[in-house]
């Protein structure tokens, strides 16, 4: 389970960085980065869901 939580932390860190970069170019490149977007939720909402998931896992210990 520890390796899974470590990987989840890394994924959250990567998504946070990607979110920061997205915000920097969203105004000028929104059409390009939104094209073929593979998720049904807003990118930041997915990141928040991942953080909540991590917190829920920590609460179970």
PDB file of N, CA and C in Angstrom:
ATOM      1  N   UNK A   1       0.820  -1.197   0.000  1.00  0.00           N
ATOM      2  CA  UNK A   1       0.000   0.000   0.000  1.00  0.00           C
ATOM      3  C   UNK A   1       0.865   1.263   0.000  1.00  0.00           C
ATOM      4  N   UNK A   2       2.020   1.195   0.633  1.00  0.00           N
ATOM      5  CA  UNK A   2       2.898   2.364   0.685  1.00  0.00           C
ATOM      6  C   UNK A   2       3.366   2.782  -0.711  1.00  0.00           C
ATOM      7  N   UNK A   3       3.673   1.810  -1.558  1.00  0.00           N
ATOM      8  CA  UNK A   3       4.108   2.139  -2.920  1.00  0.00           C
ATOM      9  C   UNK A   3       2.973   2.796  -3.698  1.00  0.00           C
ATOM     10  N   UNK A   4       1.755   2.314  -3.477  1.00  0.00           N
ATOM     11  CA  UNK A   4       0.597   2.909  -4.139  1.00  0.00           C
ATOM     12  C   UNK A   4       0.426   4.363  -3.705  1.00  0.00           C
ATOM     13  N   UNK A   5       0.504   4.626  -2.407  1.00  0.00           N
ATOM     14  CA  UNK A   5       0.345   5.990  -1.901  1.00  0.00           C
ATOM     15  C   UNK A   5       1.464   6.897  -2.401  1.00  0.00           C
ATOM     16  N   UNK A   6       2.655   6.352  -2.485  1.00  0.00           N
ATOM     17  CA  UNK A   6       3.774   7.126  -3.036  1.00  0.00           C
ATOM     18  C   UNK A   6       3.505   7.481  -4.502  1.00  0.00           C
ATOM     19  N   UNK A   7       3.036   6.511  -5.273  1.00  0.00           N
ATOM     20  CA  UNK A   7       2.720   6.764  -6.686  1.00  0.00           C
ATOM     21  C   UNK A   7       1.585   7.778  -6.813  1.00  0.00           C
ATOM     22  N   UNK A   8       0.598   7.700  -5.932  1.00  0.00           N
ATOM     23  CA  UNK A   8      -0.509   8.664  -5.953  1.00  0.00           C
ATOM     24  C   UNK A   8       0.008  10.067  -5.645  1.00  0.00           C
ATOM     25  N   UNK A   9       0.893  10.181  -4.674  1.00  0.00           N
ATOM     26  CA  UNK A   9       1.498  11.485  -4.363  1.00  0.00           C
ATOM     27  C   UNK A   9       2.255  12.040  -5.566  1.00  0.00           C
ATOM     28  N   UNK A  10       2.994  11.188  -6.247  1.00  0.00           N
ATOM     29  CA  UNK A  10       3.728  11.618  -7.436  1.00  0.00           C
ATOM     30  C   UNK A  10       2.769  12.058  -8.543  1.00  0.00           C
ATOM     31  N   UNK A  11       1.682  11.315  -8.716  1.00  0.00           N
ATOM     32  CA  UNK A  11       0.690  11.675  -9.728  1.00  0.00           C
ATOM     33  C   UNK A  11       0.068  13.037  -9.405  1.00  0.00           C
ATOM     34  N   UNK A  12      -0.250  13.262  -8.146  1.00  0.00           N
ATOM     35  CA  UNK A  12      -0.831  14.540  -7.742  1.00  0.00           C
ATOM     36  C   UNK A  12       0.163  15.672  -7.993  1.00  0.00           C
ATOM     37  N   UNK A  13       1.423  15.447  -7.676  1.00  0.00           N
ATOM     38  CA  UNK A  13       2.448  16.465  -7.929  1.00  0.00           C
ATOM     39  C   UNK A  13       2.561  16.770  -9.420  1.00  0.00           C
ATOM     40  N   UNK A  14       2.544  15.726 -10.234  1.00  0.00           N
ATOM     41  CA  UNK A  14       2.636  15.915 -11.687  1.00  0.00           C
ATOM     42  C   UNK A  14       1.416  16.649 -12.225  1.00  0.00           C
ATOM     43  N   UNK A  15       0.227  16.268 -11.755  1.00  0.00           N
ATOM     44  CA  UNK A  15      -0.991  16.931 -12.202  1.00  0.00           C
ATOM     45  C   UNK A  15      -1.015  18.387 -11.744  1.00  0.00           C
ATOM     46  N   UNK A  16      -0.476  18.658 -10.558  1.00  0.00           N
ATOM     47  CA  UNK A  16      -0.411  20.039 -10.076  1.00  0.00           C
ATOM     48  C   UNK A  16       0.473  20.878 -10.990  1.00  0.00           C
ATOM     49  N   UNK A  17       1.616  20.338 -11.342  1.00  0.00           N
ATOM     50  CA  UNK A  17       2.534  21.037 -12.248  1.00  0.00           C
ATOM     51  C   UNK A  17       1.873  21.245 -13.612  1.00  0.00           C
ATOM     52  N   UNK A  18       1.226  20.213 -14.122  1.00  0.00           N
ATOM     53  CA  UNK A  18       0.542  20.330 -15.409  1.00  0.00           C
ATOM     54  C   UNK A  18      -0.568  21.378 -15.333  1.00  0.00           C
ATOM     55  N   UNK A  19      -1.276  21.413 -14.223  1.00  0.00           N
ATOM     56  CA  UNK A  19      -2.332  22.404 -14.036  1.00  0.00           C
ATOM     57  C   UNK A  19      -1.763  23.820 -14.056  1.00  0.00           C
ATOM     58  N   UNK A  20      -0.630  24.016 -13.399  1.00  0.00           N
ATOM     59  CA  UNK A  20       0.021  25.326 -13.405  1.00  0.00           C
ATOM     60  C   UNK A  20       0.396  25.742 -14.824  1.00  0.00           C
ATOM     61  N   UNK A  21       0.949  24.814 -15.583  1.00  0.00           N
ATOM     62  CA  UNK A  21       1.342  25.116 -16.962  1.00  0.00           C
ATOM     63  C   UNK A  21       0.112  25.380 -17.829  1.00  0.00           C
ATOM     64  N   UNK A  22      -0.943  24.621 -17.601  1.00  0.00           N
ATOM     65  CA  UNK A  22      -2.200  24.800 -18.335  1.00  0.00           C
ATOM     66  C   UNK A  22      -2.709  26.225 -18.119  1.00  0.00           C
ATOM     67  N   UNK A  23      -2.727  26.655 -16.854  1.00  0.00           N
ATOM     68  CA  UNK A  23      -3.227  27.984 -16.538  1.00  0.00           C
ATOM     69  C   UNK A  23      -2.419  29.085 -17.225  1.00  0.00           C
ATOM     70  N   UNK A  24      -1.127  28.863 -17.394  1.00  0.00           N
ATOM     71  CA  UNK A  24      -0.269  29.859 -18.038  1.00  0.00           C
ATOM     72  C   UNK A  24      -0.633  30.071 -19.507  1.00  0.00           C
ATOM     73  N   UNK A  25      -1.095  29.011 -20.171  1.00  0.00           N
ATOM     74  CA  UNK A  25      -1.369  29.127 -21.608  1.00  0.00           C
ATOM     75  C   UNK A  25      -2.843  29.012 -21.962  1.00  0.00           C
ATOM     76  N   UNK A  26      -3.688  28.820 -20.963  1.00  0.00           N
ATOM     77  CA  UNK A  26      -5.108  28.604 -21.223  1.00  0.00           C
ATOM     78  C   UNK A  26      -5.740  29.731 -22.031  1.00  0.00           C
ATOM     79  N   UNK A  27      -5.407  30.950 -21.709  1.00  0.00           N
ATOM     80  CA  UNK A  27      -6.013  32.097 -22.382  1.00  0.00           C
ATOM     81  C   UNK A  27      -5.682  32.146 -23.872  1.00  0.00           C
ATOM     82  N   UNK A  28      -4.469  31.759 -24.215  1.00  0.00           N
ATOM     83  CA  UNK A  28      -4.030  31.866 -25.609  1.00  0.00           C
ATOM     84  C   UNK A  28      -4.127  30.550 -26.388  1.00  0.00           C
ATOM     85  N   UNK A  29      -4.229  29.420 -25.691  1.00  0.00           N
ATOM     86  CA  UNK A  29      -4.220  28.124 -26.369  1.00  0.00           C
ATOM     87  C   UNK A  29      -5.359  27.195 -25.935  1.00  0.00           C
ATOM     88  N   UNK A  30      -6.435  27.761 -25.429  1.00  0.00           N
ATOM     89  CA  UNK A  30      -7.514  26.925 -24.892  1.00  0.00           C
ATOM     90  C   UNK A  30      -8.098  25.967 -25.932  1.00  0.00           C
ATOM     91  N   UNK A  31      -8.234  26.416 -27.169  1.00  0.00           N
ATOM     92  CA  UNK A  31      -8.779  25.537 -28.204  1.00  0.00           C
ATOM     93  C   UNK A  31      -7.874  24.333 -28.440  1.00  0.00           C
ATOM     94  N   UNK A  32      -6.583  24.576 -28.478  1.00  0.00           N
ATOM     95  CA  UNK A  32      -5.620  23.507 -28.746  1.00  0.00           C
ATOM     96  C   UNK A  32      -5.572  22.497 -27.607  1.00  0.00           C
ATOM     97  N   UNK A  33      -5.483  22.990 -26.362  1.00  0.00           N
ATOM     98  CA  UNK A  33      -5.349  22.043 -25.248  1.00  0.00           C
ATOM     99  C   UNK A  33      -6.674  21.366 -24.901  1.00  0.00           C
ATOM    100  N   UNK A  34      -7.776  21.946 -25.312  1.00  0.00           N
ATOM    101  CA  UNK A  34      -9.078  21.334 -25.051  1.00  0.00           C
ATOM    102  C   UNK A  34      -9.471  20.306 -26.110  1.00  0.00           C
ATOM    103  N   UNK A  35      -8.854  20.413 -27.280  1.00  0.00           N
ATOM    104  CA  UNK A  35      -9.171  19.489 -28.363  1.00  0.00           C
ATOM    105  C   UNK A  35      -8.800  18.063 -27.953  1.00  0.00           C
ATOM    106  N   UNK A  36      -9.728  17.161 -28.086  1.00  0.00           N
ATOM    107  CA  UNK A  36      -9.559  15.746 -27.731  1.00  0.00           C
ATOM    108  C   UNK A  36      -9.272  15.534 -26.245  1.00  0.00           C
ATOM    109  N   UNK A  37      -9.656  16.475 -25.405  1.00  0.00           N
ATOM    110  CA  UNK A  37      -9.504  16.337 -23.953  1.00  0.00           C
ATOM    111  C   UNK A  37     -10.221  15.067 -23.517  1.00  0.00           C
ATOM    112  N   UNK A  38      -9.536  14.133 -22.865  1.00  0.00           N
ATOM    113  CA  UNK A  38     -10.095  12.800 -22.651  1.00  0.00           C
ATOM    114  C   UNK A  38     -10.959  12.617 -21.404  1.00  0.00           C
ATOM    115  N   UNK A  39     -11.238  13.670 -20.653  1.00  0.00           N
ATOM    116  CA  UNK A  39     -11.961  13.505 -19.398  1.00  0.00           C
ATOM    117  C   UNK A  39     -13.301  14.224 -19.434  1.00  0.00           C
ATOM    118  N   UNK A  40     -14.243  13.751 -18.609  1.00  0.00           N
ATOM    119  CA  UNK A  40     -15.574  14.349 -18.542  1.00  0.00           C
ATOM    120  C   UNK A  40     -15.657  15.476 -17.514  1.00  0.00           C
ATOM    121  N   UNK A  41     -14.549  15.717 -16.797  1.00  0.00           N
ATOM    122  CA  UNK A  41     -14.516  16.752 -15.771  1.00  0.00           C
ATOM    123  C   UNK A  41     -13.441  17.775 -16.098  1.00  0.00           C
ATOM    124  N   UNK A  42     -13.579  18.935 -15.460  1.00  0.00           N
ATOM    125  CA  UNK A  42     -12.555  19.967 -15.550  1.00  0.00           C
ATOM    126  C   UNK A  42     -11.251  19.419 -14.979  1.00  0.00           C
ATOM    127  N   UNK A  43     -10.152  19.808 -15.575  1.00  0.00           N
ATOM    128  CA  UNK A  43      -8.832  19.315 -15.166  1.00  0.00           C
ATOM    129  C   UNK A  43      -8.582  19.559 -13.679  1.00  0.00           C
ATOM    130  N   UNK A  44      -8.893  20.761 -13.195  1.00  0.00           N
ATOM    131  CA  UNK A  44      -8.672  21.089 -11.777  1.00  0.00           C
ATOM    132  C   UNK A  44      -9.577  20.269 -10.873  1.00  0.00           C
ATOM    133  N   UNK A  45     -10.773  19.953 -11.349  1.00  0.00           N
ATOM    134  CA  UNK A  45     -11.684  19.126 -10.559  1.00  0.00           C
ATOM    135  C   UNK A  45     -11.117  17.712 -10.385  1.00  0.00           C
ATOM    136  N   UNK A  46     -10.514  17.191 -11.433  1.00  0.00           N
ATOM    137  CA  UNK A  46      -9.880  15.874 -11.343  1.00  0.00           C
ATOM    138  C   UNK A  46      -8.745  15.914 -10.328  1.00  0.00           C
ATOM    139  N   UNK A  47      -7.945  16.961 -10.374  1.00  0.00           N
ATOM    140  CA  UNK A  47      -6.847  17.106  -9.415  1.00  0.00           C
ATOM    141  C   UNK A  47      -7.400  17.157  -7.991  1.00  0.00           C
ATOM    142  N   UNK A  48      -8.441  17.938  -7.772  1.00  0.00           N
ATOM    143  CA  UNK A  48      -9.048  18.015  -6.444  1.00  0.00           C
ATOM    144  C   UNK A  48      -9.615  16.664  -6.008  1.00  0.00           C
ATOM    145  N   UNK A  49     -10.204  15.930  -6.935  1.00  0.00           N
ATOM    146  CA  UNK A  49     -10.720  14.588  -6.620  1.00  0.00           C
ATOM    147  C   UNK A  49      -9.595  13.650  -6.209  1.00  0.00           C
ATOM    148  N   UNK A  50      -8.453  13.751  -6.874  1.00  0.00           N
ATOM    149  CA  UNK A  50      -7.304  12.916  -6.519  1.00  0.00           C
ATOM    150  C   UNK A  50      -6.802  13.255  -5.116  1.00  0.00           C
ATOM    151  N   UNK A  51      -6.775  14.540  -4.781  1.00  0.00           N
ATOM    152  CA  UNK A  51      -6.333  14.964  -3.450  1.00  0.00           C
ATOM    153  C   UNK A  51      -7.304  14.452  -2.383  1.00  0.00           C
ATOM    154  N   UNK A  52      -8.592  14.562  -2.647  1.00  0.00           N
ATOM    155  CA  UNK A  52      -9.597  14.053  -1.711  1.00  0.00           C
ATOM    156  C   UNK A  52      -9.483  12.537  -1.543  1.00  0.00           C
ATOM    157  N   UNK A  53      -9.213  11.842  -2.623  1.00  0.00           N
ATOM    158  CA  UNK A  53      -9.035  10.398  -2.584  1.00  0.00           C
ATOM    159  C   UNK A  53      -7.861  10.051  -1.676  1.00  0.00           C
ATOM    160  N   UNK A  54      -6.746  10.779  -1.863  1.00  0.00           N
ATOM    161  CA  UNK A  54      -5.557  10.550  -1.035  1.00  0.00           C
ATOM    162  C   UNK A  54      -5.878  10.780   0.439  1.00  0.00           C
ATOM    163  N   UNK A  55      -6.603  11.870   0.739  1.00  0.00           N
ATOM    164  CA  UNK A  55      -6.956  12.172   2.116  1.00  0.00           C
ATOM    165  C   UNK A  55      -7.858  11.089   2.701  1.00  0.00           C
ATOM    166  N   UNK A  56      -8.770  10.561   1.889  1.00  0.00           N
ATOM    167  CA  UNK A  56      -9.638   9.478   2.342  1.00  0.00           C
ATOM    168  C   UNK A  56      -8.855   8.210   2.666  1.00  0.00           C
ATOM    169  N   UNK A  57      -7.834   7.951   1.876  1.00  0.00           N
ATOM    170  CA  UNK A  57      -6.995   6.787   2.140  1.00  0.00           C
ATOM    171  C   UNK A  57      -6.213   6.968   3.436  1.00  0.00           C
ATOM    172  N   UNK A  58      -5.752   8.177   3.694  1.00  0.00           N
ATOM    173  CA  UNK A  58      -4.994   8.463   4.910  1.00  0.00           C
ATOM    174  C   UNK A  58      -5.889   8.343   6.141  1.00  0.00           C
ATOM    175  N   UNK A  59      -7.158   8.718   6.002  1.00  0.00           N
ATOM    176  CA  UNK A  59      -8.090   8.636   7.126  1.00  0.00           C
ATOM    177  C   UNK A  59      -8.369   7.201   7.549  1.00  0.00           C
ATOM    178  N   UNK A  60      -8.176   6.254   6.638  1.00  0.00           N
ATOM    179  CA  UNK A  60      -8.474   4.840   6.925  1.00  0.00           C
ATOM    180  C   UNK A  60      -7.344   4.144   7.649  1.00  0.00           C
ATOM    181  N   UNK A  61      -6.270   4.844   7.896  1.00  0.00           N
ATOM    182  CA  UNK A  61      -5.142   4.203   8.575  1.00  0.00           C
ATOM    183  C   UNK A  61      -5.177   4.470  10.059  1.00  0.00           C
TER     184      UNK A  61
END
